[in-house]
Protein backbone atom coordinates (compact mmCIF):
# COMPACT_ATOMS: atom_id res chain seq x y z
CA SER A 1 21.72 51.84 -11.83
CA SER A 2 18.16 53.32 -11.87
CA SER A 3 16.81 49.81 -12.85
CA SER A 4 18.19 48.25 -9.62
CA SER A 5 16.89 50.83 -7.49
CA SER A 6 13.31 50.60 -9.05
CA SER A 7 13.49 46.73 -8.48
CA SER A 8 14.64 46.94 -4.81
CA PRO A 9 11.30 47.71 -3.53
CA LEU A 10 9.56 45.28 -5.50
CA LEU A 11 11.85 42.79 -4.19
CA ALA A 12 11.50 43.65 -0.80
CA THR A 13 7.86 43.77 -0.92
CA ALA A 14 7.95 40.23 -2.81
CA MET A 15 10.28 39.00 0.11
CA ALA A 16 7.91 40.35 2.86
CA THR A 17 5.04 38.43 1.04
CA ALA A 18 7.10 35.23 0.91
CA THR A 19 8.28 35.66 4.51
CA GLU A 20 4.57 36.17 5.68
CA ARG A 21 3.47 33.24 3.95
CA VAL A 22 6.21 30.92 5.43
CA ARG A 23 5.09 32.08 9.17
CA SER A 24 1.65 31.27 8.46
CA PRO A 25 -0.19 29.11 9.29
CA PRO A 26 2.60 27.25 11.50
CA LEU A 27 3.35 23.83 10.33
CA PRO A 28 3.30 20.75 13.18
CA ALA A 29 6.45 19.98 15.05
CA SER A 30 6.94 16.90 12.78
CA LEU A 31 6.88 18.53 9.60
CA LEU A 32 9.48 21.06 10.54
CA PRO A 33 13.16 20.31 9.24
CA GLY A 34 15.39 18.49 11.56
CA PRO A 35 18.75 18.96 12.45
CA THR A 36 20.08 17.03 9.13
CA ILE A 37 18.06 16.95 5.57
CA VAL A 38 19.65 14.39 3.95
CA THR A 39 20.11 13.60 -0.03
CA LEU A 40 20.74 10.64 -1.65
CA ARG A 41 24.22 11.81 -2.77
CA SER A 42 25.10 12.14 0.83
CA LEU A 43 24.63 8.49 2.18
CA ASP A 44 26.28 5.11 1.73
CA GLY A 45 24.96 2.50 0.03
CA PRO A 46 22.55 0.82 2.77
CA ARG A 47 21.07 4.29 3.84
CA ARG A 48 20.93 5.33 0.19
CA GLU A 49 18.59 2.31 -0.43
CA VAL A 50 16.62 2.81 3.05
CA LEU A 51 15.69 6.53 1.65
CA TRP A 52 14.95 5.53 -1.75
CA ARG A 53 12.75 2.66 -0.36
CA SER A 54 11.04 5.02 2.04
CA ARG A 55 10.32 8.20 -0.38
CA SER A 56 8.85 5.39 -3.42
CA ARG A 57 6.06 3.63 -1.76
CA LYS A 58 3.69 4.68 -4.53
CA TRP A 59 1.14 5.74 -1.67
CA PRO A 60 1.60 9.50 -1.26
CA GLU A 61 0.69 9.42 2.27
CA LEU A 62 3.50 7.02 3.11
CA ASP A 63 6.19 8.61 0.96
CA THR A 64 5.47 11.72 3.00
CA LEU A 65 5.59 10.40 6.12
CA LEU A 66 8.28 7.79 5.67
CA GLY A 67 10.21 9.99 3.23
CA GLY A 68 9.98 12.96 5.67
CA PHE A 69 11.34 10.61 8.56
CA ALA A 70 14.18 9.10 6.64
CA GLU A 71 15.22 12.89 5.35
CA ARG A 72 15.48 14.26 8.92
CA ARG A 73 16.80 10.95 10.74
CA LEU A 74 18.56 8.48 8.64
CA ALA A 75 22.03 10.09 9.17
CA SER A 76 21.68 9.77 12.97
CA LEU A 77 20.81 6.18 12.96
CA THR A 78 22.97 3.49 13.90
CA GLU A 79 23.61 0.57 11.30
CA ALA A 80 21.39 -1.36 13.55
CA GLN A 81 18.89 0.84 13.45
CA VAL A 82 19.19 1.33 9.52
CA ALA A 83 18.35 -2.53 9.22
CA MET A 84 15.45 -1.81 11.64
CA PHE A 85 14.17 0.43 9.09
CA ALA A 86 14.75 -1.62 6.34
CA GLU A 87 12.63 -4.20 7.79
CA LEU A 88 9.90 -1.75 8.42
CA LEU A 89 9.77 -1.28 4.99
CA ASN A 90 9.26 -4.60 3.88
CA ARG A 91 5.81 -4.20 5.39
CA GLU A 92 2.25 -4.01 3.36
CA ASN A 93 1.81 -0.29 2.64
CA ALA A 94 -1.99 -0.81 3.95
CA GLU A 95 -0.40 -2.37 7.17
CA LEU A 96 2.38 0.64 7.52
CA LEU A 97 -0.63 3.21 6.91
CA ARG A 98 -2.95 1.85 9.47
CA TRP A 99 -0.22 1.69 12.18
CA LEU A 100 0.98 5.37 11.33
CA SER A 101 -2.20 6.66 11.25
CA GLY A 102 -3.88 4.78 14.31
CA GLN A 103 -6.23 3.02 12.64
CA ALA A 104 -4.92 -0.14 14.08
CA PRO A 105 -2.55 -0.68 17.22
CA VAL A 106 0.83 -1.60 16.36
CA PRO A 107 1.65 -5.30 17.77
CA GLN A 108 3.48 -5.32 20.96
CA GLU A 109 6.35 -7.71 19.53
CA VAL A 110 6.94 -5.00 16.81
CA LEU A 111 6.87 -2.07 19.05
CA GLU A 112 9.21 -4.02 21.39
CA SER A 113 11.82 -5.28 18.78
CA ASN A 114 11.67 -2.27 16.37
CA ALA A 115 13.23 0.97 17.77
CA VAL A 116 13.00 2.91 14.63
CA LEU A 117 9.27 2.39 14.46
CA ARG A 118 8.61 3.90 17.97
CA MET A 119 10.62 6.82 16.62
CA LEU A 120 8.70 6.89 13.54
CA LEU A 121 5.53 6.70 15.64
CA ARG A 122 6.73 10.08 17.22
CA HIS A 123 7.94 11.51 14.46
CA VAL A 124 4.19 11.26 12.91
CA HIS A 125 2.34 12.10 16.15
CA GLY A 126 4.12 12.56 19.39
CA ALA A 127 1.30 11.26 21.34
CA HIS A 128 0.23 8.22 18.90
CA PRO A 129 -2.09 5.82 20.57
CA SER A 130 0.26 2.72 20.16
CA LEU A 131 2.90 4.78 22.33
CA ALA A 132 0.56 5.67 24.88
CA ALA A 133 0.54 1.94 26.19
CA TRP A 134 4.42 1.43 25.52
CA ASP A 135 5.35 4.54 27.25
CA VAL A 136 3.68 2.74 30.24
CA VAL A 137 5.62 -0.51 29.69
CA ALA A 138 9.02 1.54 29.30
CA SER A 139 8.50 3.59 32.43
CA VAL A 140 6.97 0.75 34.95
CA GLY A 141 7.20 -2.59 33.04
CA ARG A 142 4.85 -4.84 31.67
CA PRO A 143 1.97 -4.77 33.54
CA PRO A 144 -0.54 -8.21 32.80
CA GLY A 145 -3.12 -7.17 29.95
CA VAL A 146 -1.69 -3.79 28.47
CA PHE A 147 -1.43 -5.22 25.31
CA GLU A 148 -4.58 -7.24 24.96
CA SER A 149 -6.85 -6.16 22.02
CA ARG A 150 -10.33 -5.12 22.81
CA THR A 151 -12.01 -8.38 21.51
CA GLN A 152 -9.71 -10.06 23.91
CA ALA A 153 -10.70 -8.01 26.77
CA ALA A 154 -14.23 -8.18 25.78
CA SER A 155 -14.48 -12.09 25.49
CA GLY A 156 -12.37 -12.37 29.19
CA LYS A 157 -9.55 -14.50 26.84
CA ALA A 158 -5.78 -13.14 28.19
CA SER A 159 -3.45 -12.83 25.56
CA PRO A 160 0.04 -14.92 26.04
CA SER A 161 1.51 -11.71 27.02
CA ALA A 162 -0.84 -11.48 30.06
CA SER A 163 0.32 -14.39 31.72
CA GLU A 164 3.87 -13.82 32.03
């Protein structure tokens, strides 16, 4: 009984220290646990495969971004959205990393056709540059030239979508 009373203050100090470490510094909202964290065992076949593929890209940045998104959102995705996520995972690592980091814009047709990519971009960075143009389009329709590349705009060439 004396050992349990003597370890209690030590345990309380350790818990206080651990709690303080957890509180500081604050994590970005996209890294905080979402409503559901899933595991491979808790998922059906297609979702299990998508979770596995999103965690094992062999690029640590993508494993973290894609795997974290999958762990938090996969359980709530519809079957069609799971298929969109699987389609996204067929892309090359370098292309995905450029898109997610904002180093390259996501092509308009990919943004339009893949709702899961839009969810993923918001998960990574709520104000992702590729979403700024998408948000304009979603709220007011596609204005001519919104998705023109810088080189097309500089050369005066209109993109095919600008003529619609």
